[in-house]
Protein backbone atom coordinates (compact mmCIF):
# COMPACT_ATOMS: atom_id res chain seq x y z
CA MET A 1 -5.87 14.04 -3.48
CA CYS A 2 -7.08 10.47 -3.88
CA PHE A 3 -10.09 9.37 -1.87
CA ALA A 4 -12.59 11.68 -0.23
CA PHE A 5 -11.92 11.85 3.50
CA ASP A 6 -15.06 9.84 4.28
CA ALA A 7 -14.29 7.15 1.69
CA ARG A 8 -14.14 3.55 2.87
CA PRO A 9 -12.35 0.53 1.44
CA PRO A 10 -14.57 -1.92 -0.42
CA GLU A 11 -15.75 -4.92 1.55
CA LEU A 12 -13.90 -8.18 1.03
CA PRO A 13 -15.57 -10.74 -1.23
CA ARG A 14 -17.67 -12.79 1.19
CA ASP A 15 -16.04 -16.08 0.27
CA LEU A 16 -12.59 -14.71 1.15
CA ALA A 17 -13.30 -13.12 4.54
CA LEU A 18 -12.82 -14.73 7.94
CA PRO A 19 -15.41 -14.26 10.69
CA PRO A 20 -14.70 -11.04 12.63
CA ILE A 21 -12.99 -11.38 15.99
CA ALA A 22 -15.58 -11.35 18.76
CA GLY A 23 -15.29 -8.03 20.60
CA GLY A 24 -12.52 -6.88 18.25
CA ALA A 25 -11.65 -3.20 18.53
CA GLY A 26 -10.28 -2.71 15.03
CA ALA A 27 -6.91 -1.23 14.16
CA GLU A 28 -4.67 -0.08 17.01
CA VAL A 29 -2.71 3.16 16.63
CA LEU A 30 0.97 2.82 17.55
CA GLU A 31 3.79 5.29 18.08
CA LEU A 32 6.96 3.92 16.49
CA SER A 33 10.55 5.11 16.25
CA SER A 34 12.48 5.24 12.98
CA GLU A 35 16.23 4.64 12.76
CA ASP A 36 16.97 8.37 13.02
CA GLY A 37 14.89 8.67 16.20
CA THR A 38 11.82 10.18 14.51
CA ARG A 39 8.58 9.22 16.21
CA PHE A 40 5.76 8.47 13.80
CA SER A 41 2.31 6.91 13.84
CA ALA A 42 1.14 3.60 12.44
CA ALA A 43 -2.01 1.49 12.74
CA ILE A 44 -1.86 -2.28 13.18
CA ALA A 45 -4.60 -4.87 12.76
CA GLU A 46 -3.94 -8.47 13.73
CA SER A 47 -5.75 -11.41 12.20
CA SER A 48 -7.51 -14.08 14.22
CA GLU A 49 -6.10 -16.65 11.81
CA GLY A 50 -2.84 -15.55 10.20
CA ARG A 51 -2.56 -17.57 7.02
CA GLY A 52 -0.06 -15.78 4.87
CA PRO A 53 2.37 -12.88 4.66
CA GLY A 54 1.89 -9.70 6.61
CA VAL A 55 0.92 -6.51 4.79
CA LEU A 56 2.66 -3.13 4.96
CA ILE A 57 0.32 -0.34 3.76
CA PHE A 58 1.67 2.84 2.15
CA PRO A 59 -1.20 5.42 2.16
CA ASP A 60 -1.87 8.12 -0.38
CA VAL A 61 -0.68 11.72 0.03
CA ARG A 62 -2.69 12.33 3.22
CA GLY A 63 -0.85 9.75 5.27
CA LEU A 64 -2.54 7.79 8.03
CA TYR A 65 -6.25 8.61 7.97
CA PRO A 66 -9.36 6.45 8.52
CA PHE A 67 -9.46 4.79 5.08
CA TYR A 68 -6.12 3.09 5.68
CA MET A 69 -6.82 2.14 9.26
CA GLU A 70 -9.97 0.40 8.07
CA LEU A 71 -8.06 -1.14 5.17
CA ALA A 72 -5.67 -2.75 7.67
CA GLU A 73 -8.73 -4.25 9.35
CA ARG A 74 -9.92 -5.61 5.98
CA PHE A 75 -6.60 -7.38 5.47
CA ALA A 76 -6.82 -8.83 8.98
CA LEU A 77 -10.27 -10.21 8.16
CA ALA A 78 -8.70 -11.86 5.11
CA GLY A 79 -6.12 -13.57 7.32
CA HIS A 80 -3.22 -11.15 6.92
CA ASP A 81 -1.77 -9.11 9.79
CA ALA A 82 -1.39 -5.56 8.50
CA ILE A 83 0.21 -2.25 9.44
CA ALA A 84 -0.33 1.16 7.81
CA ILE A 85 2.18 3.97 8.27
CA ASP A 86 2.08 7.75 8.35
CA TYR A 87 4.71 9.67 6.36
CA PHE A 88 4.90 12.91 8.29
CA GLY A 89 6.42 12.34 11.70
CA ARG A 90 9.40 14.56 10.84
CA THR A 91 7.39 17.58 9.73
CA ALA A 92 3.91 17.29 11.27
CA GLY A 93 4.38 15.19 14.38
CA LEU A 94 2.18 12.26 15.25
CA GLY A 95 -1.06 11.31 13.48
CA PRO A 96 -3.57 10.03 12.58
CA ARG A 97 -4.54 12.79 10.15
CA ASP A 98 -7.90 14.51 10.03
CA GLU A 99 -9.84 16.19 7.26
CA ASP A 100 -8.24 19.58 7.92
CA PHE A 101 -4.64 18.34 7.60
CA ASP A 102 -2.76 20.44 5.00
CA TYR A 103 -0.79 17.54 3.59
CA MET A 104 0.90 18.88 0.44
CA PRO A 105 3.62 20.98 2.16
CA HIS A 106 4.53 17.87 4.14
CA VAL A 107 4.49 15.63 1.05
CA ALA A 108 7.06 17.98 -0.48
CA GLU A 109 9.36 17.31 2.48
CA THR A 110 9.23 13.51 2.29
CA ARG A 111 12.30 11.58 1.14
CA VAL A 112 12.38 8.03 -0.18
CA ASP A 113 15.12 6.92 2.22
CA GLN A 114 13.16 8.28 5.20
CA VAL A 115 9.91 6.65 4.07
CA GLN A 116 11.77 3.36 3.71
CA ALA A 117 13.37 3.76 7.14
CA ASP A 118 9.90 4.27 8.65
CA ALA A 119 8.63 1.30 6.67
CA GLY A 120 11.46 -0.81 8.09
CA ALA A 121 10.48 0.18 11.63
CA ALA A 122 6.85 -0.72 10.90
CA ILE A 123 7.87 -4.11 9.50
CA GLY A 124 9.88 -4.71 12.67
CA ALA A 125 6.87 -3.83 14.82
CA LEU A 126 4.59 -6.10 12.81
CA ARG A 127 6.99 -9.01 13.07
CA GLU A 128 7.46 -8.44 16.80
CA ARG A 129 3.71 -8.60 17.35
CA THR A 130 2.87 -11.44 14.97
CA GLY A 131 6.06 -13.38 14.30
CA GLY A 132 5.41 -13.53 10.56
CA PRO A 133 8.61 -13.23 8.53
CA ALA A 134 7.22 -12.55 5.02
CA ILE A 135 5.93 -9.06 4.19
CA VAL A 136 4.17 -7.76 1.09
CA SER A 137 3.70 -4.02 0.62
CA VAL A 138 0.60 -2.41 -0.87
CA GLY A 139 0.28 1.28 -1.67
CA PHE A 140 -2.10 3.78 -3.24
CA CYS A 141 -1.16 6.67 -5.57
CA LEU A 142 1.96 8.17 -3.94
CA GLY A 143 1.92 5.11 -1.71
CA GLY A 144 1.85 2.91 -4.79
CA LEU A 145 5.05 4.61 -5.93
CA HIS A 146 6.61 3.88 -2.53
CA SER A 147 5.34 0.30 -2.61
CA PHE A 148 6.94 -0.33 -6.00
CA LEU A 149 10.18 1.32 -4.85
CA ALA A 150 10.19 -0.89 -1.75
CA GLY A 151 10.76 -3.75 -4.16
CA ALA A 152 14.11 -2.21 -5.06
CA SER A 153 15.21 -1.89 -1.41
CA PRO A 154 17.57 -4.61 -0.11
CA GLN A 155 16.87 -3.37 3.43
CA LEU A 156 13.10 -3.85 3.21
CA ASP A 157 13.36 -6.96 1.02
CA PRO A 158 9.60 -7.58 0.67
CA ALA A 159 8.25 -10.86 -0.67
CA GLY A 160 6.21 -8.87 -3.18
CA VAL A 161 4.90 -5.38 -3.89
CA ILE A 162 1.44 -4.16 -4.90
CA GLY A 163 0.47 -0.75 -6.24
CA PHE A 164 -3.04 0.61 -6.73
CA TYR A 165 -2.73 3.35 -9.37
CA GLY A 166 0.83 3.81 -8.14
CA LEU A 167 2.55 6.80 -9.68
CA LEU A 168 5.19 5.54 -12.09
CA ASP A 169 7.14 8.65 -13.01
CA GLY A 170 8.72 10.27 -9.95
CA SER A 171 9.77 13.47 -11.73
CA ARG A 172 7.01 15.54 -10.08
CA TYR A 173 8.70 14.76 -6.76
CA GLY A 174 12.24 15.11 -8.11
CA ILE A 175 13.03 11.40 -7.73
CA GLU A 176 13.50 8.34 -9.89
CA GLY A 177 10.17 6.56 -9.90
CA PRO A 178 9.24 2.94 -10.60
CA LEU A 179 9.63 3.51 -14.35
CA GLN A 180 13.25 4.52 -13.87
CA ARG A 181 13.91 1.88 -11.18
CA ALA A 182 12.08 -1.05 -12.82
CA ALA A 183 15.29 -3.01 -13.41
CA ASP A 184 16.21 -2.69 -9.70
CA ILE A 185 13.05 -4.34 -8.39
CA ARG A 186 13.92 -7.62 -6.71
CA CYS A 187 10.52 -9.26 -6.10
CA PRO A 188 7.18 -9.98 -7.84
CA VAL A 189 4.98 -6.99 -8.71
CA LEU A 190 1.22 -6.56 -8.92
CA GLY A 191 -0.04 -3.28 -10.38
CA LEU A 192 -3.72 -2.28 -10.59
CA PHE A 193 -4.60 0.76 -12.69
CA GLY A 194 -7.63 2.61 -14.02
CA GLY A 195 -7.99 2.93 -17.76
CA ALA A 196 -9.46 6.43 -17.34
CA ASP A 197 -6.82 7.60 -14.85
CA GLU A 198 -5.60 10.98 -16.12
CA ALA A 199 -2.65 10.93 -13.70
CA ILE A 200 -1.23 7.65 -15.04
CA PRO A 201 -1.67 7.22 -18.80
CA VAL A 202 -2.23 3.68 -20.02
CA GLU A 203 0.81 4.12 -22.27
CA GLN A 204 2.92 4.67 -19.16
CA VAL A 205 1.61 1.44 -17.66
CA GLY A 206 2.61 -0.31 -20.89
CA GLU A 207 6.12 1.15 -20.63
CA PHE A 208 6.40 -0.07 -17.04
CA ASP A 209 5.28 -3.51 -18.18
CA SER A 210 7.95 -3.56 -20.89
CA ARG A 211 10.73 -2.48 -18.56
CA LEU A 212 9.79 -5.07 -15.94
CA ALA A 213 9.71 -7.74 -18.64
CA GLU A 214 13.11 -6.70 -19.98
CA ALA A 215 14.54 -6.93 -16.46
CA GLY A 216 13.03 -10.39 -15.90
CA VAL A 217 10.86 -9.22 -13.00
CA GLU A 218 7.84 -11.42 -12.33
CA HIS A 219 4.86 -9.14 -12.65
CA GLU A 220 1.18 -8.67 -13.41
CA LEU A 221 -0.21 -5.28 -14.41
CA HIS A 222 -3.95 -5.02 -14.85
CA VAL A 223 -5.86 -2.05 -16.26
CA TYR A 224 -9.60 -1.67 -15.56
CA PRO A 225 -11.21 -0.02 -18.62
CA GLY A 226 -13.11 3.14 -17.74
CA ALA A 227 -12.01 3.14 -14.10
CA PRO A 228 -10.62 6.43 -12.75
CA HIS A 229 -7.87 7.13 -10.27
CA SER A 230 -8.96 5.97 -6.80
CA PHE A 231 -11.61 3.58 -8.10
CA PHE A 232 -11.08 1.35 -5.01
CA ASP A 233 -13.74 3.08 -2.91
CA LYS A 234 -16.82 1.47 -1.37
CA ARG A 235 -18.90 4.54 -2.25
CA ALA A 236 -18.03 4.25 -5.96
CA GLY A 237 -20.73 1.72 -6.76
CA GLU A 238 -20.17 1.96 -10.50
CA HIS A 239 -16.71 0.46 -9.96
CA ALA A 240 -17.77 -2.30 -7.58
CA GLU A 241 -16.84 -5.05 -10.03
CA ALA A 242 -13.36 -3.61 -10.51
CA SER A 243 -12.92 -3.30 -6.75
CA GLU A 244 -13.97 -6.90 -6.12
CA ASP A 245 -11.70 -8.15 -8.88
CA ALA A 246 -8.85 -6.09 -7.42
CA TRP A 247 -9.42 -7.68 -4.00
CA ARG A 248 -9.30 -11.14 -5.54
CA ARG A 249 -6.08 -10.38 -7.40
CA VAL A 250 -4.47 -8.91 -4.28
CA LEU A 251 -5.41 -11.84 -2.05
CA ALA A 252 -4.31 -14.38 -4.67
CA PHE A 253 -0.98 -12.55 -4.92
CA LEU A 254 -0.61 -12.71 -1.14
CA ASP A 255 -1.45 -16.41 -1.12
CA GLN A 256 1.23 -17.03 -3.75
CA ARG A 257 3.83 -15.17 -1.71
CA GLY A 258 2.90 -17.22 1.35
CA ALA A 259 3.40 -20.42 -0.62
CA ASN A 260 6.90 -19.45 -1.82
């Protein structure tokens, strides 16, 4: 498990946030259809002033729960239309997910091709609502793994991929992870990791860096010394500086993708 259920995304740096939409109702929950007919849930937040690429959010192992719905709103306040997806339409029906959701049996049933098919449907819905062609994915933990792997998908073809403490070795899920697929990634990469993250050793981040460099993939991997897994949490005051810096790096990355 990553964040506590009542965790909240850190606030945007004040100089990077747009004024909130008057009377705005926050993220809207949608019911979408994947290419195999599966119905699944997503949450969309539209910006009052779209000024860059849209954002596709891959949640952690619990799927679509309040943290990621609020995170979509944060991106909208930064000028980026955003959509967060749920992974479990095939095995658990529609979300969002609550605190009692027993997610791990459903995580075991997920497949990369199905997650990417759902992501493709979400991208289509975001583009239909907002008209923005460029998409950057951002994911957390398991979602970070899926975000990095999205960069190797010709079907999704994102403008860039971002992973917060994204799992790099997919062996625990019986798949090739970003470490194994580094040479297949087709777009710029931003990776943000905690130096005290027991799930992702710093040495593994260094290996990912080396493989991306060998493959000629434009990338930036940043490690925050002393930060644990899931440091990007408003309640974790001791990691507020890391969270603000992460926001700035993410939004700069998005701005660069919008300029390309």
